[in-house]
Amino acid sequence: MALCLGNACGVLCIILTYSFVAFAEYALVLHIALPNYSSGPWAVIHTAAFNALVLMLIIAHVRAATADPGFVPLPYTAIDFSDIRSSPRNQAEKSHEEWTVCNRCEAYRPPRAHHCRVCGRCVRKMDHHCPWINNCVGELNQRHFIQFLFYSALCCVYSATLVVGTWLKEHMGSGKAVILNHKTLTFAILLFVESLLFGIFTFVVFYDQVASVLEDETAVEHAMRRRGSHPPRPHRSRRALLQDVFGRGHVLCWLFPCHAPPIMALNHSPLTEFGV
């Protein structure tokens, strides 16, 4: 389990995440779907559909939070890297396509691996450390992080649409809807505000993650390139870049967090023969 239990901010964000999900579940099912769509099968349909989205959201979040993001193995024994550190050609900030030495955890890391100050480890293709999953987003869990954002955005859109639909039903229909009740109205307003705010937030982060995959550039590499210390990467097709993250299965399989793509093997380390 890669969850950083010692990070108080990350633990708080996870508690908030599930609190928001629980409130949306309670408000939508008990105060929106069941009271206002009980005359037909739509109450069951909306409840089942929203619960399916929530289930996918939770599975994706748990896998993103608990999965190994791609930690670079630490050496079994202390190794003298003084010669490597003193050589300008092998400094981490000077090389981008070769194995380098981390000055913090002393791990011999592959290209595109960076050190996370929160986790205290180097992570392969590290994008950033996300407090909402209390884990790094890296090579091995970026897929689940994107799925978590995708289903979070869908839940927000579904909730907001159902609240607006209920309001339109009340003002355009002939019957008296339960939404006129003050308690139900309060839950509907809070649910709509939550869906709007977090929907915008998750969509922006989702767009940023997909863009970084298609551009083959993590957030760390983007910051380095803006400082002029990271060269552009060779061009690859968009499908190949997406397959690196989501696997080579069918495109529909990319949507399911239960399906795990094959783990890409580490490049051969020059220190492997020494048992590092």
Protein backbone atom coordinates (compact mmCIF):
# COMPACT_ATOMS: atom_id res chain seq x y z
CA MET A 1 0.00 0.00 0.00
CA ALA A 2 1.45 3.35 -1.10
CA LEU A 3 -0.91 5.51 0.97
CA CYS A 4 1.01 8.21 2.90
CA LEU A 5 -0.71 7.82 6.27
CA GLY A 6 1.75 10.24 7.87
CA ASN A 7 0.60 13.10 5.63
CA ALA A 8 -2.14 14.87 7.62
CA CYS A 9 -3.22 17.02 4.65
CA GLY A 10 -3.63 13.97 2.43
CA VAL A 11 -5.61 12.04 5.05
CA LEU A 12 -7.91 15.07 5.53
CA CYS A 13 -8.47 15.37 1.77
CA ILE A 14 -9.43 11.70 1.54
CA ILE A 15 -11.91 12.13 4.41
CA LEU A 16 -13.37 15.17 2.65
CA THR A 17 -13.59 13.26 -0.63
CA TYR A 18 -15.68 10.46 0.84
CA SER A 19 -17.73 12.94 2.87
CA PHE A 20 -18.70 14.77 -0.32
CA VAL A 21 -19.50 11.48 -2.04
CA ALA A 22 -21.63 10.33 0.90
CA PHE A 23 -23.52 13.62 0.98
CA ALA A 24 -24.19 13.47 -2.78
CA GLU A 25 -25.43 9.90 -2.44
CA TYR A 26 -27.74 10.80 0.43
CA ALA A 27 -29.08 14.02 -1.10
CA LEU A 28 -29.63 12.69 -4.61
CA VAL A 29 -31.21 9.35 -3.73
CA LEU A 30 -33.37 10.29 -0.71
CA HIS A 31 -34.25 13.89 -1.53
CA ILE A 32 -34.19 14.11 -5.34
CA ALA A 33 -34.63 10.79 -7.14
CA LEU A 34 -36.99 8.81 -4.90
CA PRO A 35 -39.46 11.62 -3.95
CA ASN A 36 -39.65 13.35 -7.35
CA TYR A 37 -39.55 10.37 -9.74
CA SER A 38 -41.58 7.82 -7.79
CA SER A 39 -44.46 7.76 -10.28
CA GLY A 40 -42.54 5.58 -12.74
CA PRO A 41 -39.39 3.50 -13.08
CA TRP A 42 -37.17 6.60 -13.22
CA ALA A 43 -36.50 6.65 -9.48
CA VAL A 44 -34.94 3.18 -9.68
CA ILE A 45 -33.13 4.01 -12.91
CA HIS A 46 -31.59 7.23 -11.57
CA THR A 47 -30.64 5.60 -8.27
CA ALA A 48 -29.02 2.61 -10.00
CA ALA A 49 -27.19 4.78 -12.54
CA PHE A 50 -25.81 7.17 -9.94
CA ASN A 51 -24.78 4.31 -7.63
CA ALA A 52 -22.94 2.66 -10.54
CA LEU A 53 -21.00 5.87 -11.18
CA VAL A 54 -20.22 6.22 -7.47
CA LEU A 55 -19.01 2.62 -7.33
CA MET A 56 -16.64 3.21 -10.26
CA LEU A 57 -15.46 6.44 -8.62
CA ILE A 58 -14.67 4.67 -5.34
CA ILE A 59 -12.87 1.76 -7.00
CA ALA A 60 -10.76 4.12 -9.10
CA HIS A 61 -9.97 6.29 -6.08
CA VAL A 62 -8.97 3.34 -3.88
CA ARG A 63 -6.72 1.92 -6.59
CA ALA A 64 -5.12 5.30 -7.29
CA ALA A 65 -4.57 5.93 -3.58
CA THR A 66 -3.22 2.51 -2.62
CA ALA A 67 -1.32 1.53 -5.77
CA ASP A 68 2.42 1.81 -6.16
CA PRO A 69 2.75 4.89 -8.41
CA GLY A 70 6.09 3.63 -9.70
CA PHE A 71 8.51 3.95 -6.80
CA VAL A 72 12.12 3.45 -7.81
CA PRO A 73 13.64 0.68 -5.63
CA LEU A 74 16.03 1.88 -2.96
CA PRO A 75 19.52 0.35 -2.81
CA TYR A 76 19.96 -2.51 -0.37
CA THR A 77 23.23 -1.08 0.85
CA ALA A 78 24.76 2.36 0.90
CA ILE A 79 26.75 3.07 -2.24
CA ASP A 80 29.33 5.75 -2.81
CA PHE A 81 27.90 7.94 -5.56
CA SER A 82 30.36 10.78 -5.06
CA ASP A 83 32.02 10.25 -8.44
CA ILE A 84 28.66 10.18 -10.21
CA ARG A 85 27.42 13.29 -8.44
CA SER A 86 30.59 15.21 -9.20
CA SER A 87 30.40 14.41 -12.91
CA PRO A 88 28.43 17.14 -14.76
CA ARG A 89 27.36 14.63 -17.37
CA ASN A 90 25.53 12.47 -14.82
CA GLN A 91 23.84 15.10 -12.70
CA ALA A 92 20.07 14.60 -12.56
CA GLU A 93 19.34 18.11 -13.75
CA LYS A 94 21.65 17.71 -16.75
CA SER A 95 20.52 14.34 -18.07
CA HIS A 96 17.05 13.34 -19.23
CA GLU A 97 17.53 10.14 -21.20
CA GLU A 98 19.98 8.31 -18.93
CA TRP A 99 19.87 6.69 -15.53
CA THR A 100 20.72 9.23 -12.84
CA VAL A 101 21.33 9.34 -9.10
CA CYS A 102 18.87 11.05 -6.75
CA ASN A 103 20.63 13.37 -4.32
CA ARG A 104 17.89 12.84 -1.71
CA CYS A 105 17.09 9.11 -1.51
CA GLU A 106 20.25 7.93 -3.33
CA ALA A 107 18.23 5.74 -5.66
CA TYR A 108 19.61 4.97 -9.10
CA ARG A 109 16.63 6.02 -11.17
CA PRO A 110 15.58 5.60 -14.81
CA PRO A 111 14.88 8.47 -17.21
CA ARG A 112 11.84 10.64 -16.40
CA ALA A 113 11.84 9.64 -12.73
CA HIS A 114 11.65 12.43 -10.16
CA HIS A 115 11.80 12.70 -6.39
CA CYS A 116 8.65 13.36 -4.35
CA ARG A 117 9.31 15.37 -1.22
CA VAL A 118 6.09 14.15 0.42
CA CYS A 119 6.65 10.43 -0.18
CA GLY A 120 10.44 10.72 0.16
CA ARG A 121 10.93 8.46 -2.86
CA CYS A 122 11.66 8.76 -6.55
CA VAL A 123 8.70 7.96 -8.80
CA ARG A 124 8.84 6.89 -12.44
CA LYS A 125 7.12 9.45 -14.70
CA MET A 126 5.98 11.41 -11.67
CA ASP A 127 3.36 13.99 -12.56
CA HIS A 128 2.60 15.43 -9.11
CA HIS A 129 1.70 14.45 -5.57
CA CYS A 130 -2.08 14.68 -5.27
CA PRO A 131 -3.55 15.29 -1.80
CA TRP A 132 -6.97 14.02 -2.91
CA ILE A 133 -5.57 10.50 -3.27
CA ASN A 134 -2.76 11.09 -0.73
CA ASN A 135 -0.35 9.55 -3.19
CA CYS A 136 1.88 10.43 -6.10
CA VAL A 137 0.50 10.27 -9.63
CA GLY A 138 3.05 8.30 -11.59
CA GLU A 139 3.58 5.67 -14.24
CA LEU A 140 1.64 2.87 -12.55
CA ASN A 141 -1.42 4.68 -11.14
CA GLN A 142 -2.05 7.59 -13.52
CA ARG A 143 -4.66 5.45 -15.27
CA HIS A 144 -6.70 5.06 -12.08
CA PHE A 145 -6.28 8.73 -11.20
CA ILE A 146 -7.70 9.78 -14.58
CA GLN A 147 -10.57 7.32 -14.14
CA PHE A 148 -11.29 8.78 -10.71
CA LEU A 149 -11.47 12.27 -12.22
CA PHE A 150 -13.64 11.02 -15.07
CA TYR A 151 -16.25 9.38 -12.83
CA SER A 152 -16.15 12.29 -10.37
CA ALA A 153 -17.00 14.68 -13.19
CA LEU A 154 -19.77 12.36 -14.42
CA CYS A 155 -21.28 12.16 -10.93
CA CYS A 156 -21.25 15.96 -10.68
CA VAL A 157 -22.88 16.37 -14.10
CA TYR A 158 -25.50 13.72 -13.28
CA SER A 159 -26.34 15.31 -9.92
CA ALA A 160 -26.59 18.83 -11.29
CA THR A 161 -28.69 17.68 -14.24
CA LEU A 162 -31.10 15.81 -11.98
CA VAL A 163 -31.51 18.82 -9.68
CA VAL A 164 -32.19 21.11 -12.64
CA GLY A 165 -34.56 18.51 -14.14
CA THR A 166 -36.48 18.32 -10.89
CA TRP A 167 -36.77 22.11 -10.76
CA LEU A 168 -38.04 22.21 -14.35
CA LYS A 169 -40.47 19.42 -13.60
CA GLU A 170 -41.90 21.41 -10.69
CA HIS A 171 -42.29 24.66 -12.59
CA MET A 172 -43.43 23.19 -15.90
CA GLY A 173 -45.54 20.31 -14.59
CA SER A 174 -48.89 20.29 -12.89
CA GLY A 175 -48.18 18.32 -9.74
CA LYS A 176 -46.76 19.56 -6.48
CA ALA A 177 -43.24 18.24 -6.10
CA VAL A 178 -41.58 17.40 -2.82
CA ILE A 179 -38.76 19.78 -3.69
CA LEU A 180 -40.95 22.61 -2.30
CA ASN A 181 -40.22 21.23 1.16
CA HIS A 182 -37.62 23.46 2.85
CA LYS A 183 -35.43 20.55 3.92
CA THR A 184 -35.44 19.01 0.47
CA LEU A 185 -34.87 22.40 -1.13
CA THR A 186 -31.81 22.93 1.08
CA PHE A 187 -30.36 19.57 0.11
CA ALA A 188 -31.03 20.28 -3.58
CA ILE A 189 -29.26 23.65 -3.44
CA LEU A 190 -26.26 22.24 -1.55
CA LEU A 191 -26.04 19.30 -3.95
CA PHE A 192 -26.16 21.61 -6.97
CA VAL A 193 -23.45 23.90 -5.55
CA GLU A 194 -21.24 20.92 -4.69
CA SER A 195 -21.76 19.40 -8.13
CA LEU A 196 -21.02 22.69 -9.87
CA LEU A 197 -17.84 23.51 -7.93
CA PHE A 198 -16.32 20.04 -7.90
CA GLY A 199 -17.51 19.32 -11.41
CA ILE A 200 -15.56 22.29 -12.75
CA PHE A 201 -12.53 21.40 -10.63
CA THR A 202 -12.41 17.72 -11.63
CA PHE A 203 -13.04 18.49 -15.30
CA VAL A 204 -10.14 20.97 -15.38
CA VAL A 205 -7.78 18.48 -13.71
CA PHE A 206 -9.07 15.67 -15.97
CA TYR A 207 -8.41 17.80 -19.05
CA ASP A 208 -4.94 18.66 -17.76
CA GLN A 209 -4.11 14.99 -17.17
CA VAL A 210 -5.30 13.86 -20.60
CA ALA A 211 -3.42 16.74 -22.23
CA SER A 212 -0.23 15.79 -20.40
CA VAL A 213 -0.59 12.20 -21.63
CA LEU A 214 -1.16 13.27 -25.23
CA GLU A 215 1.76 15.71 -25.05
CA ASP A 216 3.96 13.05 -23.43
CA GLU A 217 4.99 15.50 -20.75
CA THR A 218 4.37 15.31 -17.01
CA ALA A 219 3.73 18.38 -14.86
CA VAL A 220 7.31 18.16 -13.55
CA GLU A 221 8.73 18.00 -17.07
CA HIS A 222 6.50 20.88 -18.17
CA ALA A 223 7.88 23.05 -15.37
CA MET A 224 11.44 22.04 -16.28
CA ARG A 225 10.83 22.81 -19.95
CA ARG A 226 9.50 26.27 -19.10
CA ARG A 227 12.75 26.90 -17.24
CA GLY A 228 14.65 25.75 -20.30
CA SER A 229 16.16 22.71 -18.60
CA HIS A 230 14.18 19.98 -20.34
CA PRO A 231 14.38 19.29 -24.09
CA PRO A 232 11.25 18.40 -26.11
CA ARG A 233 10.51 14.68 -26.44
CA PRO A 234 10.34 12.76 -29.73
CA HIS A 235 6.94 12.73 -31.40
CA ARG A 236 4.75 9.65 -30.88
CA SER A 237 1.22 8.86 -31.99
CA ARG A 238 -1.62 9.75 -29.61
CA ARG A 239 -2.86 6.17 -29.54
CA ALA A 240 0.56 4.90 -28.49
CA LEU A 241 0.74 7.49 -25.72
CA LEU A 242 -2.73 6.57 -24.44
CA GLN A 243 -1.84 2.88 -24.55
CA ASP A 244 1.19 3.56 -22.37
CA VAL A 245 -1.21 4.71 -19.65
CA PHE A 246 -4.37 2.67 -20.21
CA GLY A 247 -2.96 -0.53 -21.70
CA ARG A 248 -3.37 -2.13 -25.09
CA GLY A 249 -6.83 -3.58 -24.55
CA HIS A 250 -10.04 -2.33 -26.11
CA VAL A 251 -10.83 1.34 -25.69
CA LEU A 252 -13.90 0.52 -23.60
CA CYS A 253 -11.65 -1.31 -21.12
CA TRP A 254 -9.94 2.02 -20.43
CA LEU A 255 -13.07 3.15 -18.59
CA PHE A 256 -13.13 0.30 -16.07
CA PRO A 257 -10.88 0.65 -12.99
CA CYS A 258 -11.30 -3.07 -12.26
CA HIS A 259 -9.30 -3.91 -15.39
CA ALA A 260 -5.56 -3.59 -14.87
CA PRO A 261 -3.22 -3.06 -17.84
CA PRO A 262 0.07 -4.97 -17.95
CA ILE A 263 2.74 -3.30 -15.84
CA MET A 264 5.56 -1.94 -17.91
CA ALA A 265 8.88 -3.34 -16.84
CA LEU A 266 11.67 -1.13 -15.67
CA ASN A 267 14.52 -0.52 -18.01
CA HIS A 268 17.53 -2.58 -17.08
CA SER A 269 19.53 -0.82 -14.40
CA PRO A 270 23.30 -0.85 -14.60
CA LEU A 271 23.32 -1.56 -10.85
CA THR A 272 21.22 -4.72 -11.10
CA GLU A 273 24.22 -6.93 -11.33
CA PHE A 274 25.43 -5.58 -7.98
CA GLY A 275 22.14 -6.47 -6.24
CA VAL A 276 20.91 -2.87 -5.94
